[in-house]
Amino acid sequence: MAQTVTPAASPTASRLIGAGRRRRYPRGYGSVVVARVDEQLVGFAYGFALAADTKRWSRLSAPVAPEVVEEWPGRTFLLFDFAVHDSLRGRGVGRALHDRLLGSRAEERATLMVQPVAGDTKAIYEHWGWRKIGQTEGGPTAAAPVFDVYLRDQLGDLVPS
């Protein structure tokens, strides 16, 4: 069983993230990596750079330090979507996707959101160097009414595998 994790070409990215999500973010901001086993797609990670004028931090339910929420071009990457086929969880595929995507980015830090009930997922992120900084409302079309917001303060320690 040969496993590969590679940056995705645009056609693959289009199928993975769907037309609705692609249209919401400016072209050139995003990155996608995919994992394949024996040429079959088994996972992906997708994200994009936050704009300097993002309103993302204003939706936190409690205040955080101003230096945490201050943005400038190239400061923060948002890990927006991340999945690994159930049959391959716990085999390093997710970690390889995570490190390949974030280790290839020029931003100094990253953020993501997780449903509060996803205890195993949050434990993995915390093991990988993420910390919870607050919560935010999910909005009318979100998968959950509330999300925990995580921050990884640096990306330079990640070596793409």
C-alpha atoms as a PDB file:
ATOM      1  CA  MET A   1       0.000   0.000   0.000  1.00  0.00           C
ATOM      2  CA  ALA A   2       1.804   3.142  -1.247  1.00  0.00           C
ATOM      3  CA  GLN A   3       0.833   6.394   0.471  1.00  0.00           C
ATOM      4  CA  THR A   4       1.535   9.807  -1.072  1.00  0.00           C
ATOM      5  CA  VAL A   5       0.682  13.310   0.110  1.00  0.00           C
ATOM      6  CA  THR A   6       0.997  15.980  -2.558  1.00  0.00           C
ATOM      7  CA  PRO A   7      -0.179  19.478  -3.404  1.00  0.00           C
ATOM      8  CA  ALA A   8      -3.336  19.246  -5.485  1.00  0.00           C
ATOM      9  CA  ALA A   9      -3.744  20.609  -8.976  1.00  0.00           C
ATOM     10  CA  SER A  10      -6.698  22.914  -9.566  1.00  0.00           C
ATOM     11  CA  PRO A  11      -9.081  20.270 -11.030  1.00  0.00           C
ATOM     12  CA  THR A  12      -8.577  18.045  -7.990  1.00  0.00           C
ATOM     13  CA  ALA A  13      -8.996  20.985  -5.647  1.00  0.00           C
ATOM     14  CA  SER A  14     -12.221  21.936  -7.393  1.00  0.00           C
ATOM     15  CA  ARG A  15     -13.719  18.497  -6.836  1.00  0.00           C
ATOM     16  CA  LEU A  16     -12.607  18.383  -3.217  1.00  0.00           C
ATOM     17  CA  ILE A  17     -13.709  21.758  -1.961  1.00  0.00           C
ATOM     18  CA  GLY A  18     -16.770  22.315  -4.139  1.00  0.00           C
ATOM     19  CA  ALA A  19     -17.802  25.274  -6.230  1.00  0.00           C
ATOM     20  CA  GLY A  20     -19.557  27.113  -3.394  1.00  0.00           C
ATOM     21  CA  ARG A  21     -16.474  27.326  -1.229  1.00  0.00           C
ATOM     22  CA  ARG A  22     -14.169  28.219  -4.132  1.00  0.00           C
ATOM     23  CA  ARG A  23     -16.216  31.278  -5.001  1.00  0.00           C
ATOM     24  CA  ARG A  24     -16.050  32.742  -1.489  1.00  0.00           C
ATOM     25  CA  TYR A  25     -12.283  33.275  -1.435  1.00  0.00           C
ATOM     26  CA  PRO A  26      -9.978  35.209  -3.745  1.00  0.00           C
ATOM     27  CA  ARG A  27      -8.003  33.209  -6.271  1.00  0.00           C
ATOM     28  CA  GLY A  28      -4.403  32.607  -5.250  1.00  0.00           C
ATOM     29  CA  TYR A  29      -4.974  32.680  -1.493  1.00  0.00           C
ATOM     30  CA  GLY A  30      -5.659  28.978  -1.033  1.00  0.00           C
ATOM     31  CA  SER A  31      -3.704  25.747  -0.908  1.00  0.00           C
ATOM     32  CA  VAL A  32      -4.826  22.130  -1.090  1.00  0.00           C
ATOM     33  CA  VAL A  33      -2.913  18.923  -0.390  1.00  0.00           C
ATOM     34  CA  VAL A  34      -4.288  15.453  -0.986  1.00  0.00           C
ATOM     35  CA  ALA A  35      -3.384  11.973   0.238  1.00  0.00           C
ATOM     36  CA  ARG A  36      -3.658   8.923  -1.954  1.00  0.00           C
ATOM     37  CA  VAL A  37      -3.173   5.245  -1.241  1.00  0.00           C
ATOM     38  CA  ASP A  38      -2.610   3.150  -4.341  1.00  0.00           C
ATOM     39  CA  GLU A  39      -3.874   6.087  -6.426  1.00  0.00           C
ATOM     40  CA  GLN A  40      -7.158   6.337  -4.479  1.00  0.00           C
ATOM     41  CA  LEU A  41      -7.936   9.657  -2.794  1.00  0.00           C
ATOM     42  CA  VAL A  42      -8.069   9.094   0.990  1.00  0.00           C
ATOM     43  CA  GLY A  43      -7.704  12.570   2.464  1.00  0.00           C
ATOM     44  CA  PHE A  44      -7.231  16.273   1.899  1.00  0.00           C
ATOM     45  CA  ALA A  45      -6.462  19.524   3.690  1.00  0.00           C
ATOM     46  CA  TYR A  46      -7.449  22.939   2.384  1.00  0.00           C
ATOM     47  CA  GLY A  47      -7.009  26.484   3.583  1.00  0.00           C
ATOM     48  CA  PHE A  48      -6.228  30.059   2.678  1.00  0.00           C
ATOM     49  CA  ALA A  49      -4.521  33.201   3.962  1.00  0.00           C
ATOM     50  CA  LEU A  50      -6.636  35.569   6.022  1.00  0.00           C
ATOM     51  CA  ALA A  51      -6.889  39.092   4.665  1.00  0.00           C
ATOM     52  CA  ALA A  52      -5.488  41.898   6.803  1.00  0.00           C
ATOM     53  CA  ASP A  53      -9.011  43.330   7.164  1.00  0.00           C
ATOM     54  CA  THR A  54     -10.640  40.019   8.196  1.00  0.00           C
ATOM     55  CA  LYS A  55     -13.623  40.183  10.541  1.00  0.00           C
ATOM     56  CA  ARG A  56     -12.934  36.628  11.768  1.00  0.00           C
ATOM     57  CA  TRP A  57     -11.630  37.700  15.166  1.00  0.00           C
ATOM     58  CA  SER A  58     -14.521  40.083  15.856  1.00  0.00           C
ATOM     59  CA  ARG A  59     -16.905  37.120  16.107  1.00  0.00           C
ATOM     60  CA  LEU A  60     -15.139  35.568  19.113  1.00  0.00           C
ATOM     61  CA  SER A  61     -17.545  35.220  22.050  1.00  0.00           C
ATOM     62  CA  ALA A  62     -15.054  36.639  24.576  1.00  0.00           C
ATOM     63  CA  PRO A  63     -12.263  39.179  24.203  1.00  0.00           C
ATOM     64  CA  VAL A  64      -8.695  38.022  23.602  1.00  0.00           C
ATOM     65  CA  ALA A  65      -5.472  40.003  23.747  1.00  0.00           C
ATOM     66  CA  PRO A  66      -5.187  42.626  20.968  1.00  0.00           C
ATOM     67  CA  GLU A  67      -1.872  41.175  19.782  1.00  0.00           C
ATOM     68  CA  VAL A  68      -3.641  37.856  19.076  1.00  0.00           C
ATOM     69  CA  VAL A  69      -6.319  39.349  16.834  1.00  0.00           C
ATOM     70  CA  GLU A  70      -4.189  41.939  15.034  1.00  0.00           C
ATOM     71  CA  GLU A  71      -3.762  40.983  11.370  1.00  0.00           C
ATOM     72  CA  TRP A  72      -1.482  42.048   8.557  1.00  0.00           C
ATOM     73  CA  PRO A  73      -0.798  40.556   5.136  1.00  0.00           C
ATOM     74  CA  GLY A  74       0.839  37.166   5.491  1.00  0.00           C
ATOM     75  CA  ARG A  75       0.237  36.715   9.208  1.00  0.00           C
ATOM     76  CA  THR A  76      -2.419  33.978   9.452  1.00  0.00           C
ATOM     77  CA  PHE A  77      -3.399  30.912   7.441  1.00  0.00           C
ATOM     78  CA  LEU A  78      -6.860  29.408   8.001  1.00  0.00           C
ATOM     79  CA  LEU A  79      -6.981  25.608   7.906  1.00  0.00           C
ATOM     80  CA  PHE A  80     -10.518  25.533   6.554  1.00  0.00           C
ATOM     81  CA  ASP A  81     -11.256  21.906   5.721  1.00  0.00           C
ATOM     82  CA  PHE A  82      -9.413  18.718   6.605  1.00  0.00           C
ATOM     83  CA  ALA A  83     -10.480  15.077   6.270  1.00  0.00           C
ATOM     84  CA  VAL A  84      -9.025  11.568   6.250  1.00  0.00           C
ATOM     85  CA  HIS A  85     -10.939   8.416   5.287  1.00  0.00           C
ATOM     86  CA  ASP A  86     -12.095   6.563   8.412  1.00  0.00           C
ATOM     87  CA  SER A  87     -10.151   3.421   7.497  1.00  0.00           C
ATOM     88  CA  LEU A  88      -6.833   5.314   7.556  1.00  0.00           C
ATOM     89  CA  ARG A  89      -7.184   7.358  10.724  1.00  0.00           C
ATOM     90  CA  GLY A  90      -4.420   6.780  13.239  1.00  0.00           C
ATOM     91  CA  ARG A  91      -1.882   5.832  10.544  1.00  0.00           C
ATOM     92  CA  GLY A  92      -0.158   9.200  10.095  1.00  0.00           C
ATOM     93  CA  VAL A  93      -2.093  10.316   7.012  1.00  0.00           C
ATOM     94  CA  GLY A  94      -3.685  13.265   8.808  1.00  0.00           C
ATOM     95  CA  ARG A  95      -0.385  14.371  10.314  1.00  0.00           C
ATOM     96  CA  ALA A  96       1.289  14.167   6.906  1.00  0.00           C
ATOM     97  CA  LEU A  97      -1.473  16.294   5.335  1.00  0.00           C
ATOM     98  CA  HIS A  98      -1.320  18.802   8.201  1.00  0.00           C
ATOM     99  CA  ASP A  99       2.463  19.157   8.081  1.00  0.00           C
ATOM    100  CA  ARG A 100       2.654  19.244   4.287  1.00  0.00           C
ATOM    101  CA  LEU A 101       0.042  21.986   3.981  1.00  0.00           C
ATOM    102  CA  LEU A 102       1.098  24.176   6.889  1.00  0.00           C
ATOM    103  CA  GLY A 103       4.822  23.567   6.383  1.00  0.00           C
ATOM    104  CA  SER A 104       4.537  24.858   2.819  1.00  0.00           C
ATOM    105  CA  ARG A 105       2.914  28.155   3.805  1.00  0.00           C
ATOM    106  CA  ALA A 106       4.684  31.489   4.265  1.00  0.00           C
ATOM    107  CA  GLU A 107       2.345  32.757   6.986  1.00  0.00           C
ATOM    108  CA  GLU A 108       3.718  32.850  10.510  1.00  0.00           C
ATOM    109  CA  ARG A 109       0.743  31.170  12.192  1.00  0.00           C
ATOM    110  CA  ALA A 110      -2.526  29.348  11.524  1.00  0.00           C
ATOM    111  CA  THR A 111      -6.061  29.127  12.871  1.00  0.00           C
ATOM    112  CA  LEU A 112      -8.891  26.610  12.610  1.00  0.00           C
ATOM    113  CA  MET A 113     -12.307  25.891  14.102  1.00  0.00           C
ATOM    114  CA  VAL A 114     -13.561  22.631  15.635  1.00  0.00           C
ATOM    115  CA  GLN A 115     -16.964  21.607  16.926  1.00  0.00           C
ATOM    116  CA  PRO A 116     -16.859  21.623  20.751  1.00  0.00           C
ATOM    117  CA  VAL A 117     -18.113  18.013  20.926  1.00  0.00           C
ATOM    118  CA  ALA A 118     -15.167  16.723  18.810  1.00  0.00           C
ATOM    119  CA  GLY A 119     -12.983  15.782  21.792  1.00  0.00           C
ATOM    120  CA  ASP A 120     -10.708  13.350  19.935  1.00  0.00           C
ATOM    121  CA  THR A 121     -10.112  15.849  17.135  1.00  0.00           C
ATOM    122  CA  LYS A 122      -9.293  18.640  19.586  1.00  0.00           C
ATOM    123  CA  ALA A 123      -6.864  16.362  21.446  1.00  0.00           C
ATOM    124  CA  ILE A 124      -5.030  15.628  18.197  1.00  0.00           C
ATOM    125  CA  TYR A 125      -4.757  19.315  17.328  1.00  0.00           C
ATOM    126  CA  GLU A 126      -3.483  20.131  20.813  1.00  0.00           C
ATOM    127  CA  HIS A 127      -0.895  17.345  20.481  1.00  0.00           C
ATOM    128  CA  TRP A 128       0.184  18.948  17.184  1.00  0.00           C
ATOM    129  CA  GLY A 129       0.799  22.350  18.825  1.00  0.00           C
ATOM    130  CA  TRP A 130      -2.577  24.086  18.593  1.00  0.00           C
ATOM    131  CA  ARG A 131      -4.210  25.962  21.482  1.00  0.00           C
ATOM    132  CA  LYS A 132      -7.815  26.990  22.014  1.00  0.00           C
ATOM    133  CA  ILE A 133      -8.263  30.759  22.149  1.00  0.00           C
ATOM    134  CA  GLY A 134     -12.052  31.031  22.340  1.00  0.00           C
ATOM    135  CA  GLN A 135     -15.363  30.245  20.694  1.00  0.00           C
ATOM    136  CA  THR A 136     -17.365  31.727  17.826  1.00  0.00           C
ATOM    137  CA  GLU A 137     -20.884  31.330  16.488  1.00  0.00           C
ATOM    138  CA  GLY A 138     -21.236  29.035  13.511  1.00  0.00           C
ATOM    139  CA  GLY A 139     -23.779  31.028  11.523  1.00  0.00           C
ATOM    140  CA  PRO A 140     -26.920  29.895   9.714  1.00  0.00           C
ATOM    141  CA  THR A 141     -25.271  27.501   7.218  1.00  0.00           C
ATOM    142  CA  ALA A 142     -22.538  26.116   9.492  1.00  0.00           C
ATOM    143  CA  ALA A 143     -22.250  22.488  10.605  1.00  0.00           C
ATOM    144  CA  ALA A 144     -22.634  23.537  14.256  1.00  0.00           C
ATOM    145  CA  PRO A 145     -24.058  26.522  16.146  1.00  0.00           C
ATOM    146  CA  VAL A 146     -20.755  27.149  17.978  1.00  0.00           C
ATOM    147  CA  PHE A 147     -17.120  26.313  17.234  1.00  0.00           C
ATOM    148  CA  ASP A 148     -13.954  26.302  19.330  1.00  0.00           C
ATOM    149  CA  VAL A 149     -11.303  28.522  17.739  1.00  0.00           C
ATOM    150  CA  TYR A 150      -7.717  27.256  17.760  1.00  0.00           C
ATOM    151  CA  LEU A 151      -4.423  28.973  16.987  1.00  0.00           C
ATOM    152  CA  ARG A 152      -1.020  27.532  16.138  1.00  0.00           C
ATOM    153  CA  ASP A 153       1.470  30.287  16.943  1.00  0.00           C
ATOM    154  CA  GLN A 154       4.152  29.190  14.505  1.00  0.00           C
ATOM    155  CA  LEU A 155       4.482  27.132  11.345  1.00  0.00           C
ATOM    156  CA  GLY A 156       8.255  27.193  10.892  1.00  0.00           C
ATOM    157  CA  ASP A 157       8.720  24.012  12.926  1.00  0.00           C
ATOM    158  CA  LEU A 158       6.683  21.950  10.459  1.00  0.00           C
ATOM    159  CA  VAL A 159       8.583  20.017   7.838  1.00  0.00           C
ATOM    160  CA  PRO A 160       6.415  18.852   4.934  1.00  0.00           C
ATOM    161  CA  SER A 161       6.558  15.065   4.662  1.00  0.00           C
END
